[in-house]
Amino acid sequence: MDIVERVKAILLTPKSEWLVIERESGDPAFLFTNYVAILAAIPAVCGFIGMSLIGVGGIGAGLVSAIVSYLLAFVTVYVLGLIIDALAPTFDAQKNPANALKLAVYSMTPGWVAGIFLLIPLLGILAAIIGLVYGFYLLWVGLPPLMKGPEEKAIVYTGAIVVCAIVISFVIRWVVRIIAGV
């Protein structure tokens, strides 16, 4: 898998890309080292630069924030994958931990790519909005082919997952702020 091609495909042609992804292995080690580790670095590095060099956080707080945010991105994806899998039967979908993890990983793509906006602290809200809205869409489109659920329940399934993701996100931001002291 070429990461640049995957990012372009998931962002520009998600319906056909989810069908490709569905046939791939959902090996967590592969997904975390070849996709999450690379893309999750975008908001971490850009946030560090924005906070430390452009914003008002200082280099120490910016570095701690970047490291903690980066590490918690892995936790977020993993927990989100567990939630997607756990909710599957509720929405007449099939439990499939590998596909649930793939959904979690690839649905986070717009948020990570939009992390570039964190270079300018005032644009941080734009990164959050783009990541949430387009990530919501990617998840909605990917649920039926990957979790084998009915399309008519996909929007409610997606909504339940997004509510969980928002809660996770707020908890993570709170933890980062406490640890970084900002």
C-alpha atoms as a PDB file:
ATOM      1  CA  MET A   1       0.000   0.000   0.000  1.00  0.00           C
ATOM      2  CA  ASP A   2       1.338   3.394  -1.015  1.00  0.00           C
ATOM      3  CA  ILE A   3       0.268   5.781   1.739  1.00  0.00           C
ATOM      4  CA  VAL A   4      -0.051   8.808  -0.555  1.00  0.00           C
ATOM      5  CA  GLU A   5      -2.270   6.878  -2.962  1.00  0.00           C
ATOM      6  CA  ARG A   6      -4.349   5.511  -0.076  1.00  0.00           C
ATOM      7  CA  VAL A   7      -4.874   8.993   1.377  1.00  0.00           C
ATOM      8  CA  LYS A   8      -5.878  10.377  -2.014  1.00  0.00           C
ATOM      9  CA  ALA A   9      -8.201   7.457  -2.702  1.00  0.00           C
ATOM     10  CA  ILE A  10      -9.930   7.469   0.696  1.00  0.00           C
ATOM     11  CA  LEU A  11     -10.452  11.230   0.500  1.00  0.00           C
ATOM     12  CA  LEU A  12     -11.441  11.502  -3.176  1.00  0.00           C
ATOM     13  CA  THR A  13     -13.091   8.164  -4.034  1.00  0.00           C
ATOM     14  CA  PRO A  14     -14.137   6.641  -0.711  1.00  0.00           C
ATOM     15  CA  LYS A  15     -16.935   4.403  -2.018  1.00  0.00           C
ATOM     16  CA  SER A  16     -14.635   2.447  -4.291  1.00  0.00           C
ATOM     17  CA  GLU A  17     -11.700   2.619  -1.864  1.00  0.00           C
ATOM     18  CA  TRP A  18     -13.691   1.013   0.959  1.00  0.00           C
ATOM     19  CA  LEU A  19     -14.262  -1.987  -1.321  1.00  0.00           C
ATOM     20  CA  VAL A  20     -10.492  -2.277  -1.817  1.00  0.00           C
ATOM     21  CA  ILE A  21      -9.856  -1.862   1.913  1.00  0.00           C
ATOM     22  CA  GLU A  22     -12.463  -4.518   2.745  1.00  0.00           C
ATOM     23  CA  ARG A  23     -10.370  -7.151   0.956  1.00  0.00           C
ATOM     24  CA  GLU A  24      -7.149  -6.196   2.775  1.00  0.00           C
ATOM     25  CA  SER A  25      -5.817  -7.577   6.017  1.00  0.00           C
ATOM     26  CA  GLY A  26      -6.755  -5.689   9.145  1.00  0.00           C
ATOM     27  CA  ASP A  27      -3.462  -6.506  10.850  1.00  0.00           C
ATOM     28  CA  PRO A  28      -3.146  -3.945  13.662  1.00  0.00           C
ATOM     29  CA  ALA A  29       0.662  -3.879  13.543  1.00  0.00           C
ATOM     30  CA  PHE A  30       0.601  -3.089   9.834  1.00  0.00           C
ATOM     31  CA  LEU A  31      -2.096  -0.418  10.151  1.00  0.00           C
ATOM     32  CA  PHE A  32      -0.433   1.255  13.108  1.00  0.00           C
ATOM     33  CA  THR A  33       3.113   1.281  11.720  1.00  0.00           C
ATOM     34  CA  ASN A  34       2.344   1.998   8.069  1.00  0.00           C
ATOM     35  CA  TYR A  35      -0.553   4.422   8.352  1.00  0.00           C
ATOM     36  CA  VAL A  36      -1.372   5.719  11.829  1.00  0.00           C
ATOM     37  CA  ALA A  37       2.267   6.340  12.807  1.00  0.00           C
ATOM     38  CA  ILE A  38       2.802   8.484   9.732  1.00  0.00           C
ATOM     39  CA  LEU A  39      -0.456  10.412   9.471  1.00  0.00           C
ATOM     40  CA  ALA A  40      -0.948  10.989  13.201  1.00  0.00           C
ATOM     41  CA  ALA A  41       2.394  12.809  13.130  1.00  0.00           C
ATOM     42  CA  ILE A  42       0.918  15.596  10.974  1.00  0.00           C
ATOM     43  CA  PRO A  43      -1.254  17.222  13.663  1.00  0.00           C
ATOM     44  CA  ALA A  44       1.325  16.470  16.356  1.00  0.00           C
ATOM     45  CA  VAL A  45       4.181  18.178  14.499  1.00  0.00           C
ATOM     46  CA  CYS A  46       2.053  21.018  13.141  1.00  0.00           C
ATOM     47  CA  GLY A  47       0.484  21.551  16.555  1.00  0.00           C
ATOM     48  CA  PHE A  48       3.961  21.698  18.108  1.00  0.00           C
ATOM     49  CA  ILE A  49       5.110  24.275  15.577  1.00  0.00           C
ATOM     50  CA  GLY A  50       1.915  26.295  15.909  1.00  0.00           C
ATOM     51  CA  MET A  51       1.905  26.209  19.695  1.00  0.00           C
ATOM     52  CA  SER A  52       5.628  26.650  20.303  1.00  0.00           C
ATOM     53  CA  LEU A  53       6.848  28.900  17.560  1.00  0.00           C
ATOM     54  CA  ILE A  54       3.775  30.812  16.467  1.00  0.00           C
ATOM     55  CA  GLY A  55       1.360  30.551  19.398  1.00  0.00           C
ATOM     56  CA  VAL A  56       1.632  31.020  23.102  1.00  0.00           C
ATOM     57  CA  GLY A  57       2.642  27.754  24.645  1.00  0.00           C
ATOM     58  CA  GLY A  58       6.375  27.637  24.791  1.00  0.00           C
ATOM     59  CA  ILE A  59       8.587  24.899  23.422  1.00  0.00           C
ATOM     60  CA  GLY A  60       8.379  22.652  26.493  1.00  0.00           C
ATOM     61  CA  ALA A  61       4.583  22.641  26.648  1.00  0.00           C
ATOM     62  CA  GLY A  62       4.386  22.306  22.864  1.00  0.00           C
ATOM     63  CA  LEU A  63       6.706  19.299  22.859  1.00  0.00           C
ATOM     64  CA  VAL A  64       4.860  17.544  25.669  1.00  0.00           C
ATOM     65  CA  SER A  65       1.535  18.271  23.992  1.00  0.00           C
ATOM     66  CA  ALA A  66       2.777  16.925  20.649  1.00  0.00           C
ATOM     67  CA  ILE A  67       4.150  13.708  22.144  1.00  0.00           C
ATOM     68  CA  VAL A  68       1.080  13.008  24.265  1.00  0.00           C
ATOM     69  CA  SER A  69      -1.308  13.844  21.396  1.00  0.00           C
ATOM     70  CA  TYR A  70       0.627  11.588  19.057  1.00  0.00           C
ATOM     71  CA  LEU A  71       0.593   8.650  21.465  1.00  0.00           C
ATOM     72  CA  LEU A  72      -3.075   9.134  22.280  1.00  0.00           C
ATOM     73  CA  ALA A  73      -3.931   9.023  18.555  1.00  0.00           C
ATOM     74  CA  PHE A  74      -3.031   5.326  18.656  1.00  0.00           C
ATOM     75  CA  VAL A  75      -5.207   4.792  21.715  1.00  0.00           C
ATOM     76  CA  THR A  76      -8.087   6.675  20.093  1.00  0.00           C
ATOM     77  CA  VAL A  77      -8.001   4.580  16.929  1.00  0.00           C
ATOM     78  CA  TYR A  78      -7.801   1.344  18.871  1.00  0.00           C
ATOM     79  CA  VAL A  79     -10.670   2.255  21.223  1.00  0.00           C
ATOM     80  CA  LEU A  80     -12.764   3.502  18.307  1.00  0.00           C
ATOM     81  CA  GLY A  81     -12.216   0.180  16.536  1.00  0.00           C
ATOM     82  CA  LEU A  82     -13.417  -1.647  19.660  1.00  0.00           C
ATOM     83  CA  ILE A  83     -16.508   0.572  19.811  1.00  0.00           C
ATOM     84  CA  ILE A  84     -17.319   0.048  16.120  1.00  0.00           C
ATOM     85  CA  ASP A  85     -17.065  -3.706  16.596  1.00  0.00           C
ATOM     86  CA  ALA A  86     -19.031  -3.736  19.868  1.00  0.00           C
ATOM     87  CA  LEU A  87     -21.902  -1.704  18.375  1.00  0.00           C
ATOM     88  CA  ALA A  88     -22.190  -3.865  15.242  1.00  0.00           C
ATOM     89  CA  PRO A  89     -24.908  -6.269  16.478  1.00  0.00           C
ATOM     90  CA  THR A  90     -27.018  -3.334  17.713  1.00  0.00           C
ATOM     91  CA  PHE A  91     -27.295  -2.131  14.116  1.00  0.00           C
ATOM     92  CA  ASP A  92     -27.676  -5.588  12.497  1.00  0.00           C
ATOM     93  CA  ALA A  93     -24.066  -5.558  11.315  1.00  0.00           C
ATOM     94  CA  GLN A  94     -21.485  -8.315  11.683  1.00  0.00           C
ATOM     95  CA  LYS A  95     -18.817  -8.175  14.358  1.00  0.00           C
ATOM     96  CA  ASN A  96     -15.427  -8.079  12.685  1.00  0.00           C
ATOM     97  CA  PRO A  97     -12.572  -6.607  14.756  1.00  0.00           C
ATOM     98  CA  ALA A  98     -10.205  -6.316  11.776  1.00  0.00           C
ATOM     99  CA  ASN A  99     -12.698  -4.410   9.638  1.00  0.00           C
ATOM    100  CA  ALA A 100     -13.734  -2.269  12.598  1.00  0.00           C
ATOM    101  CA  LEU A 101     -10.108  -1.260  13.102  1.00  0.00           C
ATOM    102  CA  LYS A 102      -9.728  -0.471   9.400  1.00  0.00           C
ATOM    103  CA  LEU A 103     -12.829   1.738   9.615  1.00  0.00           C
ATOM    104  CA  ALA A 104     -11.426   3.559  12.625  1.00  0.00           C
ATOM    105  CA  VAL A 105      -8.004   4.043  11.050  1.00  0.00           C
ATOM    106  CA  TYR A 106      -9.059   5.213   7.606  1.00  0.00           C
ATOM    107  CA  SER A 107     -11.952   7.371   8.857  1.00  0.00           C
ATOM    108  CA  MET A 108      -9.418   9.402  10.834  1.00  0.00           C
ATOM    109  CA  THR A 109      -7.566  10.363   7.643  1.00  0.00           C
ATOM    110  CA  PRO A 110      -9.238  13.754   7.100  1.00  0.00           C
ATOM    111  CA  GLY A 111      -8.577  14.811  10.681  1.00  0.00           C
ATOM    112  CA  TRP A 112      -4.920  13.917  10.428  1.00  0.00           C
ATOM    113  CA  VAL A 113      -4.468  15.575   7.042  1.00  0.00           C
ATOM    114  CA  ALA A 114      -6.344  18.675   8.213  1.00  0.00           C
ATOM    115  CA  GLY A 115      -3.850  18.798  11.087  1.00  0.00           C
ATOM    116  CA  ILE A 116      -1.763  20.971   8.783  1.00  0.00           C
ATOM    117  CA  PHE A 117      -4.035  23.849   9.848  1.00  0.00           C
ATOM    118  CA  LEU A 118      -2.594  23.586  13.363  1.00  0.00           C
ATOM    119  CA  LEU A 119       0.463  25.447  12.081  1.00  0.00           C
ATOM    120  CA  ILE A 120      -1.629  28.560  12.653  1.00  0.00           C
ATOM    121  CA  PRO A 121      -3.285  28.184  16.067  1.00  0.00           C
ATOM    122  CA  LEU A 122      -6.391  30.176  15.122  1.00  0.00           C
ATOM    123  CA  LEU A 123      -7.115  27.692  12.344  1.00  0.00           C
ATOM    124  CA  GLY A 124      -7.135  24.734  14.741  1.00  0.00           C
ATOM    125  CA  ILE A 125     -10.938  24.776  14.828  1.00  0.00           C
ATOM    126  CA  LEU A 126     -10.926  24.326  11.049  1.00  0.00           C
ATOM    127  CA  ALA A 127      -8.919  21.121  11.428  1.00  0.00           C
ATOM    128  CA  ALA A 128     -11.436  19.835  13.968  1.00  0.00           C
ATOM    129  CA  ILE A 129     -14.449  20.668  11.802  1.00  0.00           C
ATOM    130  CA  ILE A 130     -12.985  19.190   8.625  1.00  0.00           C
ATOM    131  CA  GLY A 131     -11.862  16.066  10.447  1.00  0.00           C
ATOM    132  CA  LEU A 132     -15.207  15.547  12.122  1.00  0.00           C
ATOM    133  CA  VAL A 133     -17.463  16.247   9.153  1.00  0.00           C
ATOM    134  CA  TYR A 134     -15.516  14.402   6.490  1.00  0.00           C
ATOM    135  CA  GLY A 135     -14.559  11.631   8.903  1.00  0.00           C
ATOM    136  CA  PHE A 136     -18.287  11.215   9.639  1.00  0.00           C
ATOM    137  CA  TYR A 137     -18.951  10.867   5.911  1.00  0.00           C
ATOM    138  CA  LEU A 138     -16.130   8.354   5.406  1.00  0.00           C
ATOM    139  CA  LEU A 139     -17.359   6.267   8.299  1.00  0.00           C
ATOM    140  CA  TRP A 140     -20.945   6.327   7.001  1.00  0.00           C
ATOM    141  CA  VAL A 141     -19.855   5.225   3.539  1.00  0.00           C
ATOM    142  CA  GLY A 142     -17.522   2.533   4.906  1.00  0.00           C
ATOM    143  CA  LEU A 143     -19.819   0.894   7.442  1.00  0.00           C
ATOM    144  CA  PRO A 144     -22.025  -1.146   5.051  1.00  0.00           C
ATOM    145  CA  PRO A 145     -19.197  -2.747   3.039  1.00  0.00           C
ATOM    146  CA  LEU A 146     -16.885  -3.391   5.993  1.00  0.00           C
ATOM    147  CA  MET A 147     -19.287  -4.272   8.790  1.00  0.00           C
ATOM    148  CA  LYS A 148     -21.911  -5.853   6.495  1.00  0.00           C
ATOM    149  CA  GLY A 149     -24.753  -3.866   7.998  1.00  0.00           C
ATOM    150  CA  PRO A 150     -27.864  -2.595   6.259  1.00  0.00           C
ATOM    151  CA  GLU A 151     -27.404   0.759   4.536  1.00  0.00           C
ATOM    152  CA  GLU A 152     -30.585   2.137   6.099  1.00  0.00           C
ATOM    153  CA  LYS A 153     -29.047   1.754   9.582  1.00  0.00           C
ATOM    154  CA  ALA A 154     -25.627   3.123   8.611  1.00  0.00           C
ATOM    155  CA  ILE A 155     -26.420   6.751   9.456  1.00  0.00           C
ATOM    156  CA  VAL A 156     -27.604   5.915  12.982  1.00  0.00           C
ATOM    157  CA  TYR A 157     -24.671   3.508  13.475  1.00  0.00           C
ATOM    158  CA  THR A 158     -22.335   6.260  12.305  1.00  0.00           C
ATOM    159  CA  GLY A 159     -23.968   8.780  14.637  1.00  0.00           C
ATOM    160  CA  ALA A 160     -23.479   6.491  17.626  1.00  0.00           C
ATOM    161  CA  ILE A 161     -19.811   5.995  16.739  1.00  0.00           C
ATOM    162  CA  VAL A 162     -19.256   9.723  16.213  1.00  0.00           C
ATOM    163  CA  VAL A 163     -20.783  10.559  19.600  1.00  0.00           C
ATOM    164  CA  CYS A 164     -18.353   8.080  21.184  1.00  0.00           C
ATOM    165  CA  ALA A 165     -15.469   9.561  19.164  1.00  0.00           C
ATOM    166  CA  ILE A 166     -16.342  13.088  20.300  1.00  0.00           C
ATOM    167  CA  VAL A 167     -16.377  11.995  23.931  1.00  0.00           C
ATOM    168  CA  ILE A 168     -13.018  10.243  23.452  1.00  0.00           C
ATOM    169  CA  SER A 169     -11.643  13.374  21.764  1.00  0.00           C
ATOM    170  CA  PHE A 170     -12.689  15.653  24.620  1.00  0.00           C
ATOM    171  CA  VAL A 171     -11.173  13.304  27.188  1.00  0.00           C
ATOM    172  CA  ILE A 172      -7.929  13.155  25.217  1.00  0.00           C
ATOM    173  CA  ARG A 173      -7.741  16.934  24.825  1.00  0.00           C
ATOM    174  CA  TRP A 174      -8.333  17.283  28.557  1.00  0.00           C
ATOM    175  CA  VAL A 175      -5.565  14.770  29.338  1.00  0.00           C
ATOM    176  CA  VAL A 176      -3.152  16.532  26.953  1.00  0.00           C
ATOM    177  CA  ARG A 177      -3.870  19.919  28.529  1.00  0.00           C
ATOM    178  CA  ILE A 178      -3.342  18.570  32.033  1.00  0.00           C
ATOM    179  CA  ILE A 179      -0.086  16.817  31.132  1.00  0.00           C
ATOM    180  CA  ALA A 180       1.253  19.677  28.988  1.00  0.00           C
ATOM    181  CA  GLY A 181       0.145  22.294  31.481  1.00  0.00           C
ATOM    182  CA  VAL A 182      -1.604  24.469  28.919  1.00  0.00           C
END
